[in-house]
Amino acid sequence: QVHLVESGGGLVQAGDSLRLSCAGSGLRFSDYTMGWFRQAPGKERERIALINWNGDRTWYADSVKGRFTISRDNANNTVYLQMNSLKPEDTAVYYCAGRSVSSDEENYWGQGTQVTVSS
């Protein structure tokens, strides 16, 4: 059974940094593009970062570009999201997800971790 677990969220002030982690089990991690998504109250889910199987290709939404960095450690079945210069508008539940090369959609999702950024 595939299981993804996010951690590292919390309450911080604007300008602070956080590092989120997503630990995977039950899947061959290197077979999946991994991504980070977020959803704020009353807002649509937003895809914010993607990383390919070996970590040599990344993609970022304009809303986080230059502030967030996605990385992965396949040996430890973990993907990270380093978040710097956090803003109140970054407040959301952050989810990691995995997508196989054969899929047009994310196959597996974590439960999410709350990030709250105060002014």
Protein backbone atom coordinates (compact mmCIF):
# COMPACT_ATOMS: atom_id res chain seq x y z
CA GLN A 1 0.00 0.00 0.00
CA VAL A 2 1.40 3.36 -1.06
CA HIS A 3 1.68 5.91 1.71
CA LEU A 4 2.90 9.50 1.58
CA VAL A 5 3.33 11.51 4.77
CA GLU A 6 4.07 15.22 4.89
CA SER A 7 5.73 16.90 7.84
CA GLY A 8 7.42 20.14 8.78
CA GLY A 9 4.53 22.56 8.71
CA GLY A 10 3.83 25.03 11.44
CA LEU A 11 3.16 28.61 12.43
CA VAL A 12 5.76 31.16 11.38
CA GLN A 13 6.04 34.88 10.79
CA ALA A 14 6.29 36.58 7.42
CA GLY A 15 9.84 36.39 6.14
CA ASP A 16 10.61 33.15 7.95
CA SER A 17 11.55 29.82 6.39
CA LEU A 18 10.26 26.28 6.66
CA ARG A 19 11.32 22.98 5.17
CA LEU A 20 8.59 20.47 4.41
CA SER A 21 9.30 16.78 4.00
CA CYS A 22 7.31 14.06 2.28
CA ALA A 23 8.22 10.49 3.12
CA GLY A 24 7.03 7.74 0.81
CA SER A 25 6.56 4.04 1.30
CA GLY A 26 5.07 1.24 -0.76
CA LEU A 27 6.32 2.59 -4.08
CA ARG A 28 9.54 2.77 -6.02
CA PHE A 29 10.21 6.42 -5.45
CA SER A 30 12.35 6.91 -8.54
CA ASP A 31 9.44 5.84 -10.78
CA TYR A 32 7.47 8.96 -9.88
CA THR A 33 7.51 12.60 -10.61
CA MET A 34 6.89 14.20 -7.24
CA GLY A 35 5.09 17.43 -6.63
CA TRP A 36 3.97 19.84 -3.98
CA PHE A 37 0.50 21.33 -3.99
CA ARG A 38 -1.30 23.64 -1.64
CA GLN A 39 -4.83 24.65 -0.88
CA ALA A 40 -5.82 27.71 1.10
CA PRO A 41 -9.26 28.19 2.64
CA GLY A 42 -11.76 29.12 -0.05
CA LYS A 43 -9.17 28.71 -2.81
CA GLU A 44 -8.57 26.14 -5.52
CA ARG A 45 -5.77 23.65 -5.17
CA GLU A 46 -2.56 25.07 -6.59
CA ARG A 47 0.34 23.10 -8.00
CA ILE A 48 3.47 24.87 -6.84
CA ALA A 49 6.45 22.62 -7.58
CA LEU A 50 7.42 19.47 -9.48
CA ILE A 51 10.57 17.40 -9.65
CA ASN A 52 11.35 14.58 -12.05
CA TRP A 53 12.56 11.09 -11.25
CA ASN A 54 16.23 11.87 -10.63
CA GLY A 55 15.87 15.48 -9.57
CA ASP A 56 17.54 17.09 -12.56
CA ARG A 57 14.37 18.87 -13.73
CA THR A 58 12.11 21.08 -11.67
CA TRP A 59 9.12 23.33 -12.23
CA TYR A 60 7.68 26.09 -10.07
CA ALA A 61 4.54 28.13 -10.08
CA ASP A 62 5.07 31.86 -10.48
CA SER A 63 3.64 32.39 -7.02
CA VAL A 64 6.60 30.62 -5.39
CA LYS A 65 9.37 30.90 -7.97
CA GLY A 66 12.56 32.25 -6.46
CA ARG A 67 11.40 31.54 -2.91
CA PHE A 68 10.71 27.79 -2.81
CA THR A 69 13.01 24.93 -3.79
CA ILE A 70 11.93 21.33 -4.36
CA SER A 71 14.43 18.51 -4.00
CA ARG A 72 14.39 14.76 -3.56
CA ASP A 73 16.40 11.96 -2.02
CA ASN A 74 15.38 8.72 -3.71
CA ALA A 75 17.61 6.62 -1.46
CA ASN A 76 15.54 7.79 1.49
CA ASN A 77 12.21 7.96 -0.37
CA THR A 78 11.79 11.59 0.54
CA VAL A 79 10.96 14.80 -1.27
CA TYR A 80 11.50 18.21 0.28
CA LEU A 81 10.17 21.71 -0.15
CA GLN A 82 12.37 24.48 1.18
CA MET A 83 10.25 27.58 1.65
CA ASN A 84 11.98 30.91 2.17
CA SER A 85 10.67 34.45 2.50
CA LEU A 86 7.27 33.18 3.50
CA LYS A 87 4.28 35.46 3.04
CA PRO A 88 0.84 35.41 4.65
CA GLU A 89 -0.59 34.35 1.30
CA ASP A 90 1.47 31.15 1.55
CA THR A 91 -0.84 30.03 4.34
CA ALA A 92 -2.38 26.75 3.21
CA VAL A 93 -2.42 23.03 3.65
CA TYR A 94 0.53 21.63 1.72
CA TYR A 95 0.31 18.25 0.04
CA CYS A 96 2.84 16.09 -1.72
CA ALA A 97 1.86 13.77 -4.54
CA GLY A 98 3.41 11.27 -6.90
CA ARG A 99 2.70 10.74 -10.58
CA SER A 100 3.96 7.82 -12.64
CA VAL A 101 5.18 8.38 -16.19
CA SER A 102 2.13 6.46 -17.44
CA SER A 103 -0.37 8.73 -15.70
CA ASP A 104 -1.83 12.10 -16.68
CA GLU A 105 -2.80 12.77 -13.06
CA GLU A 106 -1.27 12.34 -9.64
CA ASN A 107 -1.58 8.75 -8.49
CA TYR A 108 -0.95 9.17 -4.78
CA TRP A 109 -1.46 11.95 -2.28
CA GLY A 110 -0.37 12.61 1.25
CA GLN A 111 -2.65 13.85 4.01
CA GLY A 112 -1.19 17.34 4.09
CA THR A 113 0.60 19.57 6.56
CA GLN A 114 -0.60 22.98 7.67
CA VAL A 115 1.55 26.04 7.06
CA THR A 116 0.40 29.28 8.64
CA VAL A 117 2.26 32.53 8.06
CA SER A 118 1.34 35.48 10.25
CA SER A 119 1.80 39.14 9.35
